[in-house]
Amino acid sequence: MDFMLSTTDLCKNFKGQMAVNHVSIGVQRNSVYGLLGPNGAGKSTLLKMLTGILHPSSGSITFDGHPWQRNDLRNIGALIEMPPLYENLTAYENLKVRTTLLGLPDSRIHEVLERVNLTNTGRKKAGQFSLGMKQRLGIAIALVNTPQLLILDEPTNGLDPLGIGELRELIRSFPQKGITVILSSHILSEVQQIADHVGIIVNGTLGFEGSIQSEDNLEALFMDVIRKYGKEV
């Protein structure tokens, strides 16, 4: 199996409370991996370890066939929680800040704005964007360094049905362009339409990992895992 990223017995302990408990996942290259779980299950904590925001208490992370190191962040794009936007700047200017930091050419700005369908926003400031546009701009910022892995934490939160549909199509297009995606969500129907594989986390424990088909009853599977691992909830 060709894994873009995998974890082995990954743990995160906060003052004696195990937020992530011996989690071992495998994310196949050029696929969309859906990370599911109720609120407070440990999804965001896991993603923050994958992006270097938090340091694991124990366990290991493997990226592109080698032990994860901070240098790998050059090949990882992430949108965790709210997009990191300068609301007084345009979409172009927000990306210009990022490309300047990374030493990338301006041509990259036009490429990612086209990728997320934000080329026609002109002088409009990011603070005036709809929530869906802000999410797409956040994804553009995460894409600007041409990552091999894109990590999205609850990207459809607060979006209307149109915004969700647009984002779904965008995310589904990434594997064909050589970008592996980890998508965290608690909206089962969305994940079923986007993901090739899912991992279900409850109380910090990985209760299920496997591929899903459109005809599978993801809700029944999810509830079974909650019943099995969520007794303390």
C-alpha atoms as a PDB file:
ATOM      1  CA  MET A   1       0.000   0.000   0.000  1.00  0.00           C
ATOM      2  CA  ASP A   2       1.354   3.436  -0.977  1.00  0.00           C
ATOM      3  CA  PHE A   3       0.709   5.742   1.981  1.00  0.00           C
ATOM      4  CA  MET A   4       1.239   9.499   1.764  1.00  0.00           C
ATOM      5  CA  LEU A   5       0.953   9.667   5.549  1.00  0.00           C
ATOM      6  CA  SER A   6       0.570   7.169   8.356  1.00  0.00           C
ATOM      7  CA  THR A   7       0.653   7.224  12.142  1.00  0.00           C
ATOM      8  CA  THR A   8       1.629   4.478  14.571  1.00  0.00           C
ATOM      9  CA  ASP A   9       0.239   4.424  18.119  1.00  0.00           C
ATOM     10  CA  LEU A  10      -0.008   8.218  18.134  1.00  0.00           C
ATOM     11  CA  CYS A  11      -0.970   9.677  21.533  1.00  0.00           C
ATOM     12  CA  LYS A  12      -1.616  13.126  22.942  1.00  0.00           C
ATOM     13  CA  ASN A  13      -2.023  13.538  26.677  1.00  0.00           C
ATOM     14  CA  PHE A  14      -3.294  16.780  28.228  1.00  0.00           C
ATOM     15  CA  LYS A  15      -2.741  16.799  32.003  1.00  0.00           C
ATOM     16  CA  GLY A  16      -3.566  13.124  32.373  1.00  0.00           C
ATOM     17  CA  GLN A  17      -6.429  13.196  29.856  1.00  0.00           C
ATOM     18  CA  MET A  18      -5.777  11.130  26.708  1.00  0.00           C
ATOM     19  CA  ALA A  19      -7.138  13.259  23.817  1.00  0.00           C
ATOM     20  CA  VAL A  20      -5.650  10.916  21.179  1.00  0.00           C
ATOM     21  CA  ASN A  21      -5.145   7.327  22.282  1.00  0.00           C
ATOM     22  CA  HIS A  22      -2.789   5.045  20.277  1.00  0.00           C
ATOM     23  CA  VAL A  23      -4.201   6.074  16.889  1.00  0.00           C
ATOM     24  CA  SER A  24      -2.748   4.340  13.819  1.00  0.00           C
ATOM     25  CA  ILE A  25      -4.096   5.594  10.477  1.00  0.00           C
ATOM     26  CA  GLY A  26      -2.983   5.099   6.873  1.00  0.00           C
ATOM     27  CA  VAL A  27      -3.750   7.740   4.233  1.00  0.00           C
ATOM     28  CA  GLN A  28      -3.277   6.436   0.686  1.00  0.00           C
ATOM     29  CA  ARG A  29      -1.528   8.663  -1.845  1.00  0.00           C
ATOM     30  CA  ASN A  30      -3.828  10.673  -4.172  1.00  0.00           C
ATOM     31  CA  SER A  31      -6.991   9.905  -2.231  1.00  0.00           C
ATOM     32  CA  VAL A  32      -9.422  11.740   0.058  1.00  0.00           C
ATOM     33  CA  TYR A  33      -9.376  10.432   3.626  1.00  0.00           C
ATOM     34  CA  GLY A  34     -12.401  11.394   5.742  1.00  0.00           C
ATOM     35  CA  LEU A  35     -11.709  11.746   9.466  1.00  0.00           C
ATOM     36  CA  LEU A  36     -15.022  11.396  11.285  1.00  0.00           C
ATOM     37  CA  GLY A  37     -16.070  11.711  14.894  1.00  0.00           C
ATOM     38  CA  PRO A  38     -18.358  13.628  17.236  1.00  0.00           C
ATOM     39  CA  ASN A  39     -17.280  17.010  18.592  1.00  0.00           C
ATOM     40  CA  GLY A  40     -14.483  16.595  21.129  1.00  0.00           C
ATOM     41  CA  ALA A  41     -13.492  13.167  19.767  1.00  0.00           C
ATOM     42  CA  GLY A  42      -9.858  14.175  19.142  1.00  0.00           C
ATOM     43  CA  LYS A  43      -9.985  14.947  15.388  1.00  0.00           C
ATOM     44  CA  SER A  44      -8.530  18.458  15.617  1.00  0.00           C
ATOM     45  CA  THR A  45      -5.881  17.334  18.119  1.00  0.00           C
ATOM     46  CA  LEU A  46      -4.773  14.619  15.692  1.00  0.00           C
ATOM     47  CA  LEU A  47      -4.618  17.077  12.783  1.00  0.00           C
ATOM     48  CA  LYS A  48      -2.655  19.581  14.859  1.00  0.00           C
ATOM     49  CA  MET A  49      -0.031  16.885  15.502  1.00  0.00           C
ATOM     50  CA  LEU A  50       0.149  16.114  11.776  1.00  0.00           C
ATOM     51  CA  THR A  51       0.825  19.801  11.059  1.00  0.00           C
ATOM     52  CA  GLY A  52       3.341  20.388  13.867  1.00  0.00           C
ATOM     53  CA  ILE A  53       1.060  22.670  15.909  1.00  0.00           C
ATOM     54  CA  LEU A  54       1.073  20.115  18.742  1.00  0.00           C
ATOM     55  CA  HIS A  55       3.854  17.715  19.710  1.00  0.00           C
ATOM     56  CA  PRO A  56       2.782  14.064  20.183  1.00  0.00           C
ATOM     57  CA  SER A  57       3.117  12.612  23.695  1.00  0.00           C
ATOM     58  CA  SER A  58       4.187   9.313  22.088  1.00  0.00           C
ATOM     59  CA  GLY A  59       3.922   7.342  18.863  1.00  0.00           C
ATOM     60  CA  SER A  60       5.196   8.236  15.401  1.00  0.00           C
ATOM     61  CA  ILE A  61       4.145   9.919  12.145  1.00  0.00           C
ATOM     62  CA  THR A  62       5.464   8.839   8.742  1.00  0.00           C
ATOM     63  CA  PHE A  63       5.226  11.238   5.793  1.00  0.00           C
ATOM     64  CA  ASP A  64       5.964  10.177   2.216  1.00  0.00           C
ATOM     65  CA  GLY A  65       7.886   7.122   3.396  1.00  0.00           C
ATOM     66  CA  HIS A  66      10.088   8.718   6.097  1.00  0.00           C
ATOM     67  CA  PRO A  67       9.672   9.858   9.728  1.00  0.00           C
ATOM     68  CA  TRP A  68       7.811  13.198   9.835  1.00  0.00           C
ATOM     69  CA  GLN A  69      10.059  16.216  10.338  1.00  0.00           C
ATOM     70  CA  ARG A  70       9.385  19.962  10.417  1.00  0.00           C
ATOM     71  CA  ASN A  71      10.872  20.325   6.919  1.00  0.00           C
ATOM     72  CA  ASP A  72       7.908  18.311   5.626  1.00  0.00           C
ATOM     73  CA  LEU A  73       5.624  21.270   6.330  1.00  0.00           C
ATOM     74  CA  ARG A  74       6.866  22.655   3.002  1.00  0.00           C
ATOM     75  CA  ASN A  75       4.911  19.826   1.367  1.00  0.00           C
ATOM     76  CA  ILE A  76       1.835  20.041   3.620  1.00  0.00           C
ATOM     77  CA  GLY A  77      -0.937  22.610   3.276  1.00  0.00           C
ATOM     78  CA  ALA A  78      -3.480  23.009   6.070  1.00  0.00           C
ATOM     79  CA  LEU A  79      -6.689  24.842   6.894  1.00  0.00           C
ATOM     80  CA  ILE A  80      -7.434  24.184  10.560  1.00  0.00           C
ATOM     81  CA  GLU A  81     -10.314  26.074  12.158  1.00  0.00           C
ATOM     82  CA  MET A  82     -10.787  29.580  10.663  1.00  0.00           C
ATOM     83  CA  PRO A  83      -8.793  30.640   7.565  1.00  0.00           C
ATOM     84  CA  PRO A  84      -5.792  32.847   8.498  1.00  0.00           C
ATOM     85  CA  LEU A  85      -6.919  35.902   6.518  1.00  0.00           C
ATOM     86  CA  TYR A  86      -6.041  39.578   6.586  1.00  0.00           C
ATOM     87  CA  GLU A  87      -9.569  40.978   6.305  1.00  0.00           C
ATOM     88  CA  ASN A  88      -8.363  44.411   5.113  1.00  0.00           C
ATOM     89  CA  LEU A  89      -6.537  42.872   2.122  1.00  0.00           C
ATOM     90  CA  THR A  90      -7.862  41.498  -1.175  1.00  0.00           C
ATOM     91  CA  ALA A  91      -7.606  37.814  -2.112  1.00  0.00           C
ATOM     92  CA  TYR A  92      -4.569  38.609  -4.265  1.00  0.00           C
ATOM     93  CA  GLU A  93      -2.899  40.598  -1.476  1.00  0.00           C
ATOM     94  CA  ASN A  94      -3.521  37.843   1.082  1.00  0.00           C
ATOM     95  CA  LEU A  95      -1.763  35.391  -1.210  1.00  0.00           C
ATOM     96  CA  LYS A  96       1.011  37.882  -1.967  1.00  0.00           C
ATOM     97  CA  VAL A  97       1.874  37.925   1.769  1.00  0.00           C
ATOM     98  CA  ARG A  98       2.214  34.129   1.672  1.00  0.00           C
ATOM     99  CA  THR A  99       4.215  33.924  -1.575  1.00  0.00           C
ATOM    100  CA  THR A 100       6.595  36.632  -0.344  1.00  0.00           C
ATOM    101  CA  LEU A 101       7.220  34.648   2.864  1.00  0.00           C
ATOM    102  CA  LEU A 102       7.843  31.470   0.875  1.00  0.00           C
ATOM    103  CA  GLY A 103       9.855  33.131  -1.908  1.00  0.00           C
ATOM    104  CA  LEU A 104       7.385  32.045  -4.612  1.00  0.00           C
ATOM    105  CA  PRO A 105       6.643  33.859  -7.900  1.00  0.00           C
ATOM    106  CA  ASP A 106       3.474  35.948  -8.365  1.00  0.00           C
ATOM    107  CA  SER A 107       2.350  33.534 -11.088  1.00  0.00           C
ATOM    108  CA  ARG A 108       1.542  31.066  -8.309  1.00  0.00           C
ATOM    109  CA  ILE A 109      -1.071  33.517  -6.931  1.00  0.00           C
ATOM    110  CA  HIS A 110      -3.004  33.490 -10.217  1.00  0.00           C
ATOM    111  CA  GLU A 111      -2.791  29.681 -10.406  1.00  0.00           C
ATOM    112  CA  VAL A 112      -4.311  29.065  -6.977  1.00  0.00           C
ATOM    113  CA  LEU A 113      -6.964  31.798  -7.331  1.00  0.00           C
ATOM    114  CA  GLU A 114      -8.076  30.087 -10.533  1.00  0.00           C
ATOM    115  CA  ARG A 115      -8.014  26.688  -8.800  1.00  0.00           C
ATOM    116  CA  VAL A 116     -10.460  27.878  -6.096  1.00  0.00           C
ATOM    117  CA  ASN A 117     -12.548  30.056  -8.455  1.00  0.00           C
ATOM    118  CA  LEU A 118     -11.673  33.420  -6.900  1.00  0.00           C
ATOM    119  CA  THR A 119     -10.150  35.197  -9.907  1.00  0.00           C
ATOM    120  CA  ASN A 120     -12.921  37.796 -10.229  1.00  0.00           C
ATOM    121  CA  THR A 121     -12.915  39.310  -6.718  1.00  0.00           C
ATOM    122  CA  GLY A 122     -10.887  42.357  -7.816  1.00  0.00           C
ATOM    123  CA  ARG A 123     -10.409  44.993  -5.095  1.00  0.00           C
ATOM    124  CA  LYS A 124     -12.963  43.443  -2.763  1.00  0.00           C
ATOM    125  CA  LYS A 125     -11.493  43.000   0.714  1.00  0.00           C
ATOM    126  CA  ALA A 126     -11.502  39.535   2.323  1.00  0.00           C
ATOM    127  CA  GLY A 127     -13.557  40.916   5.223  1.00  0.00           C
ATOM    128  CA  GLN A 128     -16.430  41.458   2.764  1.00  0.00           C
ATOM    129  CA  PHE A 129     -16.288  37.881   1.436  1.00  0.00           C
ATOM    130  CA  SER A 130     -19.027  35.331   2.123  1.00  0.00           C
ATOM    131  CA  LEU A 131     -18.073  32.466   4.432  1.00  0.00           C
ATOM    132  CA  GLY A 132     -17.724  30.149   1.429  1.00  0.00           C
ATOM    133  CA  MET A 133     -15.359  32.579  -0.314  1.00  0.00           C
ATOM    134  CA  LYS A 134     -13.289  32.906   2.872  1.00  0.00           C
ATOM    135  CA  GLN A 135     -13.002  29.116   3.074  1.00  0.00           C
ATOM    136  CA  ARG A 136     -11.913  28.937  -0.572  1.00  0.00           C
ATOM    137  CA  LEU A 137      -9.334  31.675   0.010  1.00  0.00           C
ATOM    138  CA  GLY A 138      -8.079  29.748   3.053  1.00  0.00           C
ATOM    139  CA  ILE A 139      -7.669  26.675   0.833  1.00  0.00           C
ATOM    140  CA  ALA A 140      -5.851  28.808  -1.776  1.00  0.00           C
ATOM    141  CA  ILE A 141      -3.393  29.930   0.918  1.00  0.00           C
ATOM    142  CA  ALA A 142      -2.902  26.267   1.922  1.00  0.00           C
ATOM    143  CA  LEU A 143      -2.289  25.327  -1.738  1.00  0.00           C
ATOM    144  CA  VAL A 144       0.171  28.072  -2.621  1.00  0.00           C
ATOM    145  CA  ASN A 145       3.275  26.017  -1.715  1.00  0.00           C
ATOM    146  CA  THR A 146       2.100  23.177  -4.044  1.00  0.00           C
ATOM    147  CA  PRO A 147       1.618  20.665  -1.195  1.00  0.00           C
ATOM    148  CA  GLN A 148       1.537  16.914  -1.617  1.00  0.00           C
ATOM    149  CA  LEU A 149      -0.858  16.685   1.340  1.00  0.00           C
ATOM    150  CA  LEU A 150      -3.751  19.041   2.121  1.00  0.00           C
ATOM    151  CA  ILE A 151      -5.334  18.899   5.588  1.00  0.00           C
ATOM    152  CA  LEU A 152      -8.798  20.455   6.005  1.00  0.00           C
ATOM    153  CA  ASP A 153     -10.479  20.639   9.420  1.00  0.00           C
ATOM    154  CA  GLU A 154     -14.279  21.035   9.165  1.00  0.00           C
ATOM    155  CA  PRO A 155     -14.037  23.112   5.949  1.00  0.00           C
ATOM    156  CA  THR A 156     -17.830  23.163   5.351  1.00  0.00           C
ATOM    157  CA  ASN A 157     -18.704  24.589   8.787  1.00  0.00           C
ATOM    158  CA  GLY A 158     -21.271  27.358   8.446  1.00  0.00           C
ATOM    159  CA  LEU A 159     -21.541  27.102   4.646  1.00  0.00           C
ATOM    160  CA  ASP A 160     -24.869  27.185   2.797  1.00  0.00           C
ATOM    161  CA  PRO A 161     -25.778  24.265   0.456  1.00  0.00           C
ATOM    162  CA  LEU A 162     -24.323  26.075  -2.579  1.00  0.00           C
ATOM    163  CA  GLY A 163     -21.018  26.741  -0.790  1.00  0.00           C
ATOM    164  CA  ILE A 164     -20.872  23.128   0.397  1.00  0.00           C
ATOM    165  CA  GLY A 165     -21.467  21.833  -3.138  1.00  0.00           C
ATOM    166  CA  GLU A 166     -18.741  24.065  -4.605  1.00  0.00           C
ATOM    167  CA  LEU A 167     -16.268  23.018  -1.922  1.00  0.00           C
ATOM    168  CA  ARG A 168     -17.121  19.340  -2.439  1.00  0.00           C
ATOM    169  CA  GLU A 169     -16.294  19.557  -6.166  1.00  0.00           C
ATOM    170  CA  LEU A 170     -13.077  21.427  -5.408  1.00  0.00           C
ATOM    171  CA  ILE A 171     -11.882  18.841  -2.854  1.00  0.00           C
ATOM    172  CA  ARG A 172     -12.766  15.923  -5.136  1.00  0.00           C
ATOM    173  CA  SER A 173     -10.609  17.433  -7.896  1.00  0.00           C
ATOM    174  CA  PHE A 174      -7.406  17.469  -5.825  1.00  0.00           C
ATOM    175  CA  PRO A 175      -6.341  13.760  -5.995  1.00  0.00           C
ATOM    176  CA  GLN A 176      -6.334  13.923  -9.830  1.00  0.00           C
ATOM    177  CA  LYS A 177      -3.837  16.776  -9.500  1.00  0.00           C
ATOM    178  CA  GLY A 178      -1.505  14.802  -7.239  1.00  0.00           C
ATOM    179  CA  ILE A 179      -2.766  16.202  -3.930  1.00  0.00           C
ATOM    180  CA  THR A 180      -3.745  13.829  -1.133  1.00  0.00           C
ATOM    181  CA  VAL A 181      -6.467  15.198   1.175  1.00  0.00           C
ATOM    182  CA  ILE A 182      -7.314  14.560   4.819  1.00  0.00           C
ATOM    183  CA  LEU A 183     -10.759  15.973   5.530  1.00  0.00           C
ATOM    184  CA  SER A 184     -12.147  16.195   9.060  1.00  0.00           C
ATOM    185  CA  SER A 185     -15.899  16.531   9.478  1.00  0.00           C
ATOM    186  CA  HIS A 186     -18.903  15.508  11.538  1.00  0.00           C
ATOM    187  CA  ILE A 187     -21.250  15.758   8.512  1.00  0.00           C
ATOM    188  CA  LEU A 188     -21.498  12.131   7.403  1.00  0.00           C
ATOM    189  CA  SER A 189     -23.355  12.763   4.128  1.00  0.00           C
ATOM    190  CA  GLU A 190     -20.664  15.168   2.930  1.00  0.00           C
ATOM    191  CA  VAL A 191     -17.816  12.796   3.738  1.00  0.00           C
ATOM    192  CA  GLN A 192     -19.623   9.925   2.003  1.00  0.00           C
ATOM    193  CA  GLN A 193     -19.759  11.972  -1.214  1.00  0.00           C
ATOM    194  CA  ILE A 194     -16.119  13.070  -1.064  1.00  0.00           C
ATOM    195  CA  ALA A 195     -13.972  10.439   0.689  1.00  0.00           C
ATOM    196  CA  ASP A 196     -12.392   7.241  -0.611  1.00  0.00           C
ATOM    197  CA  HIS A 197     -11.607   5.999   2.909  1.00  0.00           C
ATOM    198  CA  VAL A 198     -12.732   6.976   6.392  1.00  0.00           C
ATOM    199  CA  GLY A 199     -11.399   6.783   9.896  1.00  0.00           C
ATOM    200  CA  ILE A 200     -13.850   7.163  12.785  1.00  0.00           C
ATOM    201  CA  ILE A 201     -12.509   8.528  16.082  1.00  0.00           C
ATOM    202  CA  VAL A 202     -14.465   8.370  19.340  1.00  0.00           C
ATOM    203  CA  ASN A 203     -13.031   9.403  22.712  1.00  0.00           C
ATOM    204  CA  GLY A 204      -9.575   9.688  21.143  1.00  0.00           C
ATOM    205  CA  THR A 205      -9.663   6.093  19.877  1.00  0.00           C
ATOM    206  CA  LEU A 206      -9.758   4.989  16.233  1.00  0.00           C
ATOM    207  CA  GLY A 207     -12.825   2.752  16.160  1.00  0.00           C
ATOM    208  CA  PHE A 208     -12.915   2.084  12.415  1.00  0.00           C
ATOM    209  CA  GLU A 209     -10.803   2.589   9.316  1.00  0.00           C
ATOM    210  CA  GLY A 210     -11.637   1.424   5.817  1.00  0.00           C
ATOM    211  CA  SER A 211     -12.857   2.287   2.322  1.00  0.00           C
ATOM    212  CA  ILE A 212     -16.433   3.399   1.741  1.00  0.00           C
ATOM    213  CA  GLN A 213     -18.761   3.075  -1.241  1.00  0.00           C
ATOM    214  CA  SER A 214     -21.722   5.290  -2.109  1.00  0.00           C
ATOM    215  CA  GLU A 215     -24.142   2.470  -1.245  1.00  0.00           C
ATOM    216  CA  ASP A 216     -22.650   1.855   2.228  1.00  0.00           C
ATOM    217  CA  ASN A 217     -24.693   2.946   5.242  1.00  0.00           C
ATOM    218  CA  LEU A 218     -22.120   5.247   6.811  1.00  0.00           C
ATOM    219  CA  GLU A 219     -24.559   6.518   9.430  1.00  0.00           C
ATOM    220  CA  ALA A 220     -25.234   2.991  10.742  1.00  0.00           C
ATOM    221  CA  LEU A 221     -21.476   2.259  10.809  1.00  0.00           C
ATOM    222  CA  PHE A 222     -20.810   5.552  12.615  1.00  0.00           C
ATOM    223  CA  MET A 223     -23.464   4.852  15.254  1.00  0.00           C
ATOM    224  CA  ASP A 224     -22.099   1.320  15.791  1.00  0.00           C
ATOM    225  CA  VAL A 225     -18.616   2.732  16.437  1.00  0.00           C
ATOM    226  CA  ILE A 226     -20.007   5.410  18.790  1.00  0.00           C
ATOM    227  CA  ARG A 227     -21.902   2.735  20.749  1.00  0.00           C
ATOM    228  CA  LYS A 228     -18.794   0.589  21.008  1.00  0.00           C
ATOM    229  CA  TYR A 229     -16.236   3.273  21.909  1.00  0.00           C
ATOM    230  CA  GLY A 230     -18.364   6.105  23.253  1.00  0.00           C
ATOM    231  CA  LYS A 231     -19.614   4.566  26.470  1.00  0.00           C
ATOM    232  CA  GLU A 232     -18.015   7.321  28.521  1.00  0.00           C
ATOM    233  CA  VAL A 233     -19.661  10.100  26.486  1.00  0.00           C
END
